[in-house]
C-alpha cells in the first residue's frame, strides 16, 4: 500500500523518548505494486487508504499537541500533493472517461481533501496554479492536468523530477 512506510514510521515514533542517528543509509525499496509511482496500474482502494493514513498522521500530530498553523500547512500540503498524484494516475488510466470523472469527483468532494487544498496553501509556481481547479472542484480540468503531468513525467522525466525536488525544497 502507498504510504505504508510513512504510516508505520509515524506509529513507531509516536511515543518515543529518544532518537539515535546513524551516518549510513540502509533503507532500500522496489516499487512495483499497483498504485506505485513507477506503475500505471490504478488501485481503486488507494483513495480510501490515503484518507485513512492521513487521518492517522493528523491523530499523531494531535497526540503530540502540534497545532502550529505553519507546520500543519505543510502536513495538509503534503496530502494535497498526494491527491494531485492520485488524480494524475486516474487521468493516465485506460478506464472509461465517465468512471474517471466519477473517481475524481469523489476525491474533490471529500471534506478532508477540500480541507487539504484549503489549509495546504502551496501558491508557488506551477503547483500553485494546478491547485486552483482542485480547490474549485473542476473535474474535467483536473483530469487534463493529470494528463499533462503524465505526459511530462513520461517524455521529460528529468524536468519532472527536478520540479518535484524543487517543490520539496521550497517546503523546507
N, C-alpha and C. Protein backbone atom coordinates (compact mmCIF):
# COMPACT_ATOMS: atom_id res chain seq x y z
N UNK A 1 0.85 -1.17 0.00
CA UNK A 1 0.00 0.00 0.00
C UNK A 1 0.89 1.23 0.00
N UNK A 2 0.45 2.28 -0.66
CA UNK A 2 1.21 3.52 -0.65
C UNK A 2 1.20 4.10 0.75
N UNK A 3 2.27 4.76 1.06
CA UNK A 3 2.45 5.44 2.34
C UNK A 3 2.67 4.45 3.47
N UNK A 4 2.77 3.15 3.19
CA UNK A 4 2.90 2.19 4.28
C UNK A 4 4.12 2.48 5.14
N UNK A 5 5.23 2.90 4.54
CA UNK A 5 6.40 3.22 5.35
C UNK A 5 6.16 4.45 6.21
N UNK A 6 5.52 5.47 5.66
CA UNK A 6 5.21 6.67 6.44
C UNK A 6 4.26 6.32 7.59
N UNK A 7 3.23 5.56 7.27
CA UNK A 7 2.24 5.15 8.26
C UNK A 7 2.93 4.38 9.40
N UNK A 8 3.75 3.42 9.04
CA UNK A 8 4.48 2.62 10.03
C UNK A 8 5.42 3.50 10.86
N UNK A 9 6.19 4.35 10.19
CA UNK A 9 7.14 5.19 10.90
C UNK A 9 6.46 6.17 11.85
N UNK A 10 5.33 6.73 11.43
CA UNK A 10 4.59 7.65 12.31
C UNK A 10 4.14 6.91 13.58
N UNK A 11 3.71 5.68 13.43
CA UNK A 11 3.27 4.91 14.60
C UNK A 11 4.46 4.58 15.50
N UNK A 12 5.59 4.24 14.91
CA UNK A 12 6.78 3.90 15.69
C UNK A 12 7.26 5.10 16.50
N UNK A 13 7.30 6.27 15.85
CA UNK A 13 7.84 7.44 16.55
C UNK A 13 6.81 8.16 17.42
N UNK A 14 5.60 7.68 17.40
CA UNK A 14 4.52 8.34 18.14
C UNK A 14 4.84 8.54 19.63
N UNK A 15 5.44 7.55 20.27
CA UNK A 15 5.66 7.64 21.71
C UNK A 15 7.12 7.44 22.12
N UNK A 16 8.05 7.76 21.24
CA UNK A 16 9.45 7.57 21.60
C UNK A 16 9.95 8.73 22.46
N UNK A 17 10.95 8.45 23.25
CA UNK A 17 11.54 9.49 24.10
C UNK A 17 12.91 9.93 23.60
N UNK A 18 13.64 9.02 22.92
CA UNK A 18 14.97 9.36 22.42
C UNK A 18 15.15 8.82 21.01
N UNK A 19 16.07 9.46 20.27
CA UNK A 19 16.34 9.05 18.90
C UNK A 19 17.85 8.90 18.72
N UNK A 20 18.26 7.85 18.04
CA UNK A 20 19.66 7.67 17.65
C UNK A 20 19.78 7.86 16.16
N UNK A 21 20.87 8.45 15.70
CA UNK A 21 21.06 8.73 14.29
C UNK A 21 22.32 8.03 13.80
N UNK A 22 22.20 7.34 12.67
CA UNK A 22 23.33 6.67 12.04
C UNK A 22 23.77 7.46 10.82
N UNK A 23 25.03 7.33 10.44
CA UNK A 23 25.51 8.06 9.28
C UNK A 23 25.51 7.20 8.01
N UNK A 24 24.78 6.10 8.02
CA UNK A 24 24.65 5.25 6.84
C UNK A 24 23.18 5.10 6.47
N UNK A 25 22.92 4.90 5.20
CA UNK A 25 21.55 4.70 4.74
C UNK A 25 21.36 3.22 4.43
N UNK A 26 20.46 2.58 5.10
CA UNK A 26 20.22 1.15 4.89
C UNK A 26 18.79 0.88 4.44
N UNK A 27 18.12 1.88 3.92
CA UNK A 27 16.73 1.75 3.51
C UNK A 27 16.67 1.61 2.00
N UNK A 28 16.21 0.48 1.52
CA UNK A 28 16.09 0.24 0.08
C UNK A 28 14.71 -0.32 -0.20
N UNK A 29 14.14 0.06 -1.32
CA UNK A 29 12.83 -0.47 -1.67
C UNK A 29 12.69 -0.55 -3.18
N UNK A 30 11.74 -1.36 -3.61
CA UNK A 30 11.46 -1.52 -5.02
C UNK A 30 9.97 -1.29 -5.22
N UNK A 31 9.64 -0.33 -6.05
CA UNK A 31 8.23 0.00 -6.28
C UNK A 31 7.74 -0.71 -7.52
N UNK A 32 6.87 -1.69 -7.32
CA UNK A 32 6.32 -2.40 -8.47
C UNK A 32 4.87 -2.76 -8.28
N UNK A 33 4.27 -2.29 -7.22
CA UNK A 33 2.89 -2.66 -6.93
C UNK A 33 1.91 -1.70 -7.62
N UNK A 34 0.65 -2.11 -7.78
CA UNK A 34 -0.35 -1.18 -8.33
C UNK A 34 -0.44 0.06 -7.45
N UNK A 35 -0.49 1.22 -8.07
CA UNK A 35 -0.56 2.46 -7.34
C UNK A 35 0.79 3.05 -7.03
N UNK A 36 1.88 2.33 -7.34
CA UNK A 36 3.21 2.87 -7.14
C UNK A 36 3.47 3.95 -8.17
N UNK A 37 4.36 4.89 -7.84
CA UNK A 37 4.70 5.95 -8.78
C UNK A 37 5.33 5.40 -10.04
N UNK A 38 5.85 4.18 -9.99
CA UNK A 38 6.53 3.62 -11.16
C UNK A 38 5.66 2.66 -11.96
N UNK A 39 4.39 2.53 -11.62
CA UNK A 39 3.50 1.67 -12.39
C UNK A 39 2.33 2.48 -12.93
N UNK A 40 1.60 1.90 -13.85
CA UNK A 40 0.45 2.58 -14.44
C UNK A 40 -0.85 1.87 -14.10
N UNK A 41 -0.81 0.99 -13.12
CA UNK A 41 -2.00 0.25 -12.71
C UNK A 41 -2.67 1.02 -11.58
N UNK A 42 -3.91 1.43 -11.79
CA UNK A 42 -4.62 2.21 -10.78
C UNK A 42 -5.24 1.28 -9.74
N UNK A 43 -4.98 1.56 -8.49
CA UNK A 43 -5.53 0.80 -7.38
C UNK A 43 -6.77 1.53 -6.87
N UNK A 44 -7.93 0.93 -7.04
CA UNK A 44 -9.18 1.59 -6.69
C UNK A 44 -9.34 1.85 -5.19
N UNK A 45 -8.58 1.15 -4.35
CA UNK A 45 -8.65 1.35 -2.90
C UNK A 45 -7.69 2.43 -2.42
N UNK A 46 -6.91 2.98 -3.32
CA UNK A 46 -5.86 3.91 -2.93
C UNK A 46 -6.40 5.16 -2.23
N UNK A 47 -7.48 5.72 -2.73
CA UNK A 47 -8.04 6.93 -2.12
C UNK A 47 -8.48 6.66 -0.68
N UNK A 48 -9.19 5.57 -0.46
CA UNK A 48 -9.62 5.22 0.90
C UNK A 48 -8.42 4.98 1.81
N UNK A 49 -7.38 4.34 1.29
CA UNK A 49 -6.17 4.11 2.07
C UNK A 49 -5.49 5.42 2.43
N UNK A 50 -5.43 6.32 1.48
CA UNK A 50 -4.78 7.62 1.76
C UNK A 50 -5.56 8.42 2.80
N UNK A 51 -6.87 8.38 2.74
CA UNK A 51 -7.67 9.08 3.75
C UNK A 51 -7.36 8.49 5.13
N UNK A 52 -7.39 7.18 5.22
CA UNK A 52 -7.12 6.51 6.49
C UNK A 52 -5.73 6.88 7.01
N UNK A 53 -4.74 6.85 6.15
CA UNK A 53 -3.38 7.15 6.57
C UNK A 53 -3.22 8.62 6.95
N UNK A 54 -3.87 9.51 6.22
CA UNK A 54 -3.76 10.93 6.57
C UNK A 54 -4.44 11.22 7.90
N UNK A 55 -5.57 10.58 8.15
CA UNK A 55 -6.22 10.73 9.45
C UNK A 55 -5.31 10.23 10.56
N UNK A 56 -4.56 9.17 10.29
CA UNK A 56 -3.61 8.66 11.26
C UNK A 56 -2.52 9.70 11.54
N UNK A 57 -2.00 10.31 10.49
CA UNK A 57 -0.98 11.35 10.65
C UNK A 57 -1.53 12.51 11.49
N UNK A 58 -2.75 12.93 11.18
CA UNK A 58 -3.36 14.01 11.95
C UNK A 58 -3.55 13.61 13.42
N UNK A 59 -3.89 12.36 13.67
CA UNK A 59 -4.05 11.88 15.05
C UNK A 59 -2.72 11.90 15.79
N UNK A 60 -1.65 11.52 15.11
CA UNK A 60 -0.32 11.56 15.74
C UNK A 60 0.05 13.00 16.08
N UNK A 61 -0.16 13.91 15.16
CA UNK A 61 0.14 15.32 15.43
C UNK A 61 -0.73 15.85 16.57
N UNK A 62 -1.97 15.40 16.63
CA UNK A 62 -2.85 15.80 17.72
C UNK A 62 -2.33 15.24 19.05
N UNK A 63 -1.88 13.99 19.06
CA UNK A 63 -1.29 13.40 20.27
C UNK A 63 -0.07 14.19 20.73
N UNK A 64 0.70 14.68 19.78
CA UNK A 64 1.90 15.45 20.09
C UNK A 64 1.57 16.90 20.45
N UNK A 65 0.28 17.24 20.39
CA UNK A 65 -0.19 18.60 20.69
C UNK A 65 0.42 19.64 19.74
N UNK A 66 0.60 19.25 18.49
CA UNK A 66 1.13 20.18 17.48
C UNK A 66 -0.05 20.88 16.83
N UNK A 67 -0.12 22.17 17.05
CA UNK A 67 -1.23 22.94 16.48
C UNK A 67 -0.72 24.17 15.72
N UNK A 68 0.59 24.25 15.53
CA UNK A 68 1.18 25.37 14.81
C UNK A 68 0.67 25.36 13.36
N UNK A 69 0.08 26.46 12.95
CA UNK A 69 -0.53 26.54 11.62
C UNK A 69 0.46 26.35 10.48
N UNK A 70 1.70 26.80 10.66
CA UNK A 70 2.70 26.64 9.60
C UNK A 70 3.05 25.16 9.43
N UNK A 71 3.26 24.46 10.54
CA UNK A 71 3.56 23.03 10.47
C UNK A 71 2.40 22.29 9.84
N UNK A 72 1.19 22.57 10.29
CA UNK A 72 0.01 21.89 9.75
C UNK A 72 -0.20 22.23 8.27
N UNK A 73 0.19 23.43 7.86
CA UNK A 73 0.09 23.81 6.45
C UNK A 73 0.92 22.85 5.59
N UNK A 74 2.13 22.50 6.06
CA UNK A 74 2.97 21.57 5.32
C UNK A 74 2.38 20.16 5.31
N UNK A 75 1.80 19.77 6.42
CA UNK A 75 1.18 18.44 6.50
C UNK A 75 0.00 18.35 5.53
N UNK A 76 -0.86 19.36 5.54
CA UNK A 76 -2.00 19.37 4.62
C UNK A 76 -1.55 19.50 3.16
N UNK A 77 -0.49 20.27 2.94
CA UNK A 77 0.03 20.43 1.59
C UNK A 77 0.54 19.09 1.05
N UNK A 78 1.19 18.32 1.90
CA UNK A 78 1.68 17.00 1.51
C UNK A 78 0.51 16.12 1.04
N UNK A 79 -0.58 16.14 1.79
CA UNK A 79 -1.75 15.35 1.41
C UNK A 79 -2.35 15.87 0.10
N UNK A 80 -2.41 17.19 -0.06
CA UNK A 80 -2.94 17.77 -1.30
C UNK A 80 -2.10 17.32 -2.50
N UNK A 81 -0.79 17.32 -2.33
CA UNK A 81 0.08 16.88 -3.43
C UNK A 81 -0.14 15.40 -3.74
N UNK A 82 -0.42 14.59 -2.73
CA UNK A 82 -0.72 13.17 -2.97
C UNK A 82 -2.05 13.04 -3.72
N UNK A 83 -2.99 13.93 -3.48
CA UNK A 83 -4.25 13.89 -4.22
C UNK A 83 -4.04 14.27 -5.68
N UNK A 84 -3.12 15.20 -5.93
CA UNK A 84 -2.78 15.54 -7.32
C UNK A 84 -2.18 14.31 -7.99
N UNK A 85 -1.30 13.62 -7.30
CA UNK A 85 -0.69 12.41 -7.85
C UNK A 85 -1.76 11.35 -8.13
N UNK A 86 -2.70 11.20 -7.21
CA UNK A 86 -3.76 10.21 -7.38
C UNK A 86 -4.63 10.53 -8.60
N UNK A 87 -5.00 11.79 -8.75
CA UNK A 87 -5.83 12.14 -9.91
C UNK A 87 -5.04 12.03 -11.20
N UNK A 88 -3.73 12.22 -11.13
CA UNK A 88 -2.88 12.01 -12.32
C UNK A 88 -2.92 10.54 -12.71
N UNK A 89 -2.87 9.65 -11.74
CA UNK A 89 -2.94 8.21 -12.03
C UNK A 89 -4.29 7.84 -12.65
N UNK A 90 -5.34 8.47 -12.17
CA UNK A 90 -6.67 8.22 -12.73
C UNK A 90 -6.72 8.71 -14.18
N UNK A 91 -6.21 9.93 -14.41
CA UNK A 91 -6.23 10.50 -15.76
C UNK A 91 -5.44 9.64 -16.74
N UNK A 92 -4.37 9.02 -16.26
CA UNK A 92 -3.49 8.23 -17.11
C UNK A 92 -4.01 6.81 -17.33
N UNK A 93 -5.03 6.43 -16.62
CA UNK A 93 -5.57 5.08 -16.70
C UNK A 93 -6.44 4.92 -17.94
N UNK A 94 -6.63 3.68 -18.40
CA UNK A 94 -7.42 3.46 -19.61
C UNK A 94 -8.90 3.19 -19.34
N UNK A 95 -9.37 3.46 -18.12
CA UNK A 95 -10.80 3.28 -17.82
C UNK A 95 -11.63 4.32 -18.59
N UNK A 96 -12.91 4.08 -18.69
CA UNK A 96 -13.83 4.97 -19.39
C UNK A 96 -13.84 6.35 -18.73
N UNK A 97 -13.99 7.40 -19.54
CA UNK A 97 -13.96 8.78 -19.04
C UNK A 97 -15.02 9.03 -17.96
N UNK A 98 -16.18 8.41 -18.08
CA UNK A 98 -17.23 8.63 -17.08
C UNK A 98 -16.80 8.07 -15.71
N UNK A 99 -16.09 6.95 -15.73
CA UNK A 99 -15.58 6.37 -14.49
C UNK A 99 -14.47 7.25 -13.91
N UNK A 100 -13.60 7.78 -14.76
CA UNK A 100 -12.55 8.69 -14.32
C UNK A 100 -13.17 9.92 -13.64
N UNK A 101 -14.17 10.48 -14.30
CA UNK A 101 -14.83 11.67 -13.74
C UNK A 101 -15.48 11.36 -12.40
N UNK A 102 -16.07 10.20 -12.30
CA UNK A 102 -16.71 9.79 -11.06
C UNK A 102 -15.70 9.69 -9.91
N UNK A 103 -14.55 9.06 -10.19
CA UNK A 103 -13.49 8.95 -9.17
C UNK A 103 -12.99 10.33 -8.75
N UNK A 104 -12.70 11.17 -9.74
CA UNK A 104 -12.16 12.49 -9.43
C UNK A 104 -13.18 13.33 -8.67
N UNK A 105 -14.45 13.24 -9.06
CA UNK A 105 -15.49 13.98 -8.36
C UNK A 105 -15.57 13.55 -6.89
N UNK A 106 -15.45 12.24 -6.66
CA UNK A 106 -15.46 11.71 -5.29
C UNK A 106 -14.29 12.28 -4.48
N UNK A 107 -13.12 12.31 -5.08
CA UNK A 107 -11.93 12.83 -4.41
C UNK A 107 -12.10 14.31 -4.10
N UNK A 108 -12.51 15.08 -5.09
CA UNK A 108 -12.64 16.53 -4.92
C UNK A 108 -13.76 16.91 -3.98
N UNK A 109 -14.76 16.05 -3.82
CA UNK A 109 -15.89 16.33 -2.93
C UNK A 109 -15.60 15.94 -1.48
N UNK A 110 -14.56 15.18 -1.27
CA UNK A 110 -14.24 14.71 0.07
C UNK A 110 -13.85 15.89 0.97
N UNK A 111 -14.46 16.00 2.16
CA UNK A 111 -14.15 17.12 3.07
C UNK A 111 -12.68 17.20 3.47
N UNK A 112 -12.03 16.07 3.69
CA UNK A 112 -10.62 16.08 4.07
C UNK A 112 -9.75 16.59 2.91
N UNK A 113 -10.08 16.17 1.71
CA UNK A 113 -9.34 16.64 0.53
C UNK A 113 -9.54 18.14 0.36
N UNK A 114 -10.77 18.61 0.47
CA UNK A 114 -11.02 20.04 0.35
C UNK A 114 -10.27 20.82 1.44
N UNK A 115 -10.26 20.28 2.64
CA UNK A 115 -9.53 20.91 3.74
C UNK A 115 -8.04 20.97 3.42
N UNK A 116 -7.51 19.91 2.84
CA UNK A 116 -6.08 19.88 2.48
C UNK A 116 -5.75 20.94 1.45
N UNK A 117 -6.61 21.11 0.45
CA UNK A 117 -6.34 22.12 -0.57
C UNK A 117 -6.54 23.53 -0.03
N UNK A 118 -7.35 23.68 0.98
CA UNK A 118 -7.55 24.99 1.60
C UNK A 118 -6.43 25.31 2.58
N UNK A 119 -6.10 24.37 3.45
CA UNK A 119 -5.10 24.60 4.50
C UNK A 119 -3.67 24.39 4.02
N UNK A 120 -3.49 23.63 2.94
CA UNK A 120 -2.16 23.31 2.44
C UNK A 120 -1.65 24.31 1.43
N UNK A 121 -1.93 25.53 1.63
CA UNK A 121 -1.65 26.59 0.67
C UNK A 121 -0.26 26.50 0.04
N UNK A 122 -0.22 25.96 -1.14
CA UNK A 122 1.00 25.95 -1.93
C UNK A 122 0.75 26.85 -3.12
N UNK A 123 1.16 28.08 -2.99
CA UNK A 123 0.88 29.07 -4.03
C UNK A 123 2.08 29.35 -4.91
N UNK A 124 3.11 28.51 -4.81
CA UNK A 124 4.33 28.75 -5.56
C UNK A 124 4.30 28.09 -6.93
N UNK A 125 4.63 28.84 -7.95
CA UNK A 125 4.83 28.32 -9.28
C UNK A 125 3.67 27.54 -9.86
N UNK A 126 4.03 26.58 -10.67
CA UNK A 126 3.06 25.77 -11.39
C UNK A 126 2.15 24.98 -10.46
N UNK A 127 2.71 24.48 -9.37
CA UNK A 127 1.89 23.67 -8.45
C UNK A 127 0.77 24.52 -7.85
N UNK A 128 1.04 25.79 -7.59
CA UNK A 128 0.00 26.70 -7.10
C UNK A 128 -1.11 26.90 -8.11
N UNK A 129 -0.73 26.99 -9.39
CA UNK A 129 -1.71 27.12 -10.47
C UNK A 129 -2.52 25.83 -10.58
N UNK A 130 -1.83 24.67 -10.48
CA UNK A 130 -2.51 23.38 -10.57
C UNK A 130 -3.54 23.21 -9.46
N UNK A 131 -3.30 23.78 -8.30
CA UNK A 131 -4.19 23.57 -7.16
C UNK A 131 -5.51 24.32 -7.29
N UNK A 132 -5.56 25.35 -8.10
CA UNK A 132 -6.80 26.14 -8.23
C UNK A 132 -7.97 25.28 -8.69
N UNK A 133 -7.86 24.51 -9.77
CA UNK A 133 -9.00 23.67 -10.18
C UNK A 133 -9.39 22.63 -9.12
N UNK A 134 -8.44 22.19 -8.33
CA UNK A 134 -8.74 21.24 -7.25
C UNK A 134 -9.59 21.94 -6.19
N UNK A 135 -9.21 23.14 -5.84
CA UNK A 135 -9.98 23.90 -4.84
C UNK A 135 -11.39 24.20 -5.34
N UNK A 136 -11.50 24.45 -6.66
CA UNK A 136 -12.79 24.79 -7.26
C UNK A 136 -13.58 23.57 -7.73
N UNK A 137 -13.02 22.36 -7.53
CA UNK A 137 -13.65 21.09 -7.88
C UNK A 137 -13.98 20.98 -9.37
N UNK A 138 -13.05 21.38 -10.21
CA UNK A 138 -13.22 21.38 -11.67
C UNK A 138 -12.73 20.03 -12.21
N UNK A 139 -13.62 19.06 -12.25
CA UNK A 139 -13.27 17.67 -12.57
C UNK A 139 -12.55 17.54 -13.91
N UNK A 140 -13.09 18.10 -14.97
CA UNK A 140 -12.50 17.96 -16.31
C UNK A 140 -11.12 18.61 -16.35
N UNK A 141 -10.97 19.77 -15.74
CA UNK A 141 -9.68 20.45 -15.71
C UNK A 141 -8.66 19.65 -14.92
N UNK A 142 -9.09 19.06 -13.82
CA UNK A 142 -8.20 18.23 -13.00
C UNK A 142 -7.71 17.03 -13.81
N UNK A 143 -8.59 16.41 -14.58
CA UNK A 143 -8.18 15.29 -15.43
C UNK A 143 -7.20 15.76 -16.51
N UNK A 144 -7.42 16.95 -17.06
CA UNK A 144 -6.50 17.49 -18.07
C UNK A 144 -5.13 17.75 -17.44
N UNK A 145 -5.11 18.28 -16.23
CA UNK A 145 -3.84 18.50 -15.52
C UNK A 145 -3.14 17.16 -15.30
N UNK A 146 -3.90 16.15 -14.94
CA UNK A 146 -3.33 14.82 -14.76
C UNK A 146 -2.67 14.30 -16.02
N UNK A 147 -3.32 14.53 -17.16
CA UNK A 147 -2.75 14.12 -18.44
C UNK A 147 -1.45 14.88 -18.74
N UNK A 148 -1.44 16.17 -18.44
CA UNK A 148 -0.23 16.98 -18.65
C UNK A 148 0.90 16.46 -17.78
N UNK A 149 0.62 16.20 -16.51
CA UNK A 149 1.64 15.67 -15.60
C UNK A 149 2.17 14.34 -16.12
N UNK A 150 1.27 13.46 -16.55
CA UNK A 150 1.70 12.16 -17.09
C UNK A 150 2.58 12.33 -18.32
N UNK A 151 2.19 13.26 -19.20
CA UNK A 151 2.98 13.50 -20.41
C UNK A 151 4.38 13.99 -20.06
N UNK A 152 4.46 14.95 -19.17
CA UNK A 152 5.76 15.50 -18.76
C UNK A 152 6.59 14.41 -18.08
N UNK A 153 5.94 13.65 -17.21
CA UNK A 153 6.63 12.56 -16.50
C UNK A 153 7.19 11.52 -17.48
N UNK A 154 6.43 11.20 -18.52
CA UNK A 154 6.84 10.17 -19.48
C UNK A 154 7.86 10.68 -20.49
N UNK A 155 7.73 11.93 -20.92
CA UNK A 155 8.56 12.43 -22.02
C UNK A 155 9.68 13.38 -21.59
N UNK A 156 9.54 13.94 -20.41
CA UNK A 156 10.54 14.88 -19.89
C UNK A 156 10.81 14.55 -18.43
N UNK A 157 11.21 13.30 -18.19
CA UNK A 157 11.35 12.82 -16.82
C UNK A 157 12.34 13.62 -16.00
N UNK A 158 13.42 14.08 -16.61
CA UNK A 158 14.40 14.89 -15.86
C UNK A 158 13.74 16.17 -15.39
N UNK A 159 13.00 16.82 -16.26
CA UNK A 159 12.28 18.05 -15.89
C UNK A 159 11.26 17.76 -14.79
N UNK A 160 10.52 16.65 -14.93
CA UNK A 160 9.50 16.29 -13.95
C UNK A 160 10.12 16.09 -12.57
N UNK A 161 11.19 15.31 -12.48
CA UNK A 161 11.78 15.02 -11.18
C UNK A 161 12.52 16.21 -10.61
N UNK A 162 13.07 17.07 -11.46
CA UNK A 162 13.66 18.32 -10.95
C UNK A 162 12.58 19.22 -10.36
N UNK A 163 11.43 19.27 -11.01
CA UNK A 163 10.32 20.07 -10.49
C UNK A 163 9.85 19.53 -9.15
N UNK A 164 9.79 18.21 -9.01
CA UNK A 164 9.40 17.60 -7.73
C UNK A 164 10.39 17.95 -6.64
N UNK A 165 11.67 17.88 -6.96
CA UNK A 165 12.70 18.22 -5.98
C UNK A 165 12.57 19.69 -5.59
N UNK A 166 12.30 20.56 -6.57
CA UNK A 166 12.13 21.98 -6.29
C UNK A 166 10.95 22.22 -5.35
N UNK A 167 9.85 21.52 -5.59
CA UNK A 167 8.67 21.65 -4.72
C UNK A 167 9.02 21.19 -3.30
N UNK A 168 9.74 20.08 -3.19
CA UNK A 168 10.11 19.58 -1.87
C UNK A 168 11.05 20.54 -1.16
N UNK A 169 12.02 21.10 -1.87
CA UNK A 169 12.96 22.04 -1.25
C UNK A 169 12.27 23.32 -0.84
N UNK A 170 11.28 23.78 -1.62
CA UNK A 170 10.58 25.01 -1.27
C UNK A 170 9.74 24.85 -0.02
N UNK A 171 9.42 23.59 0.34
CA UNK A 171 8.66 23.34 1.55
C UNK A 171 9.55 23.38 2.79
N UNK A 172 10.86 23.23 2.60
CA UNK A 172 11.78 23.14 3.75
C UNK A 172 12.06 24.46 4.38
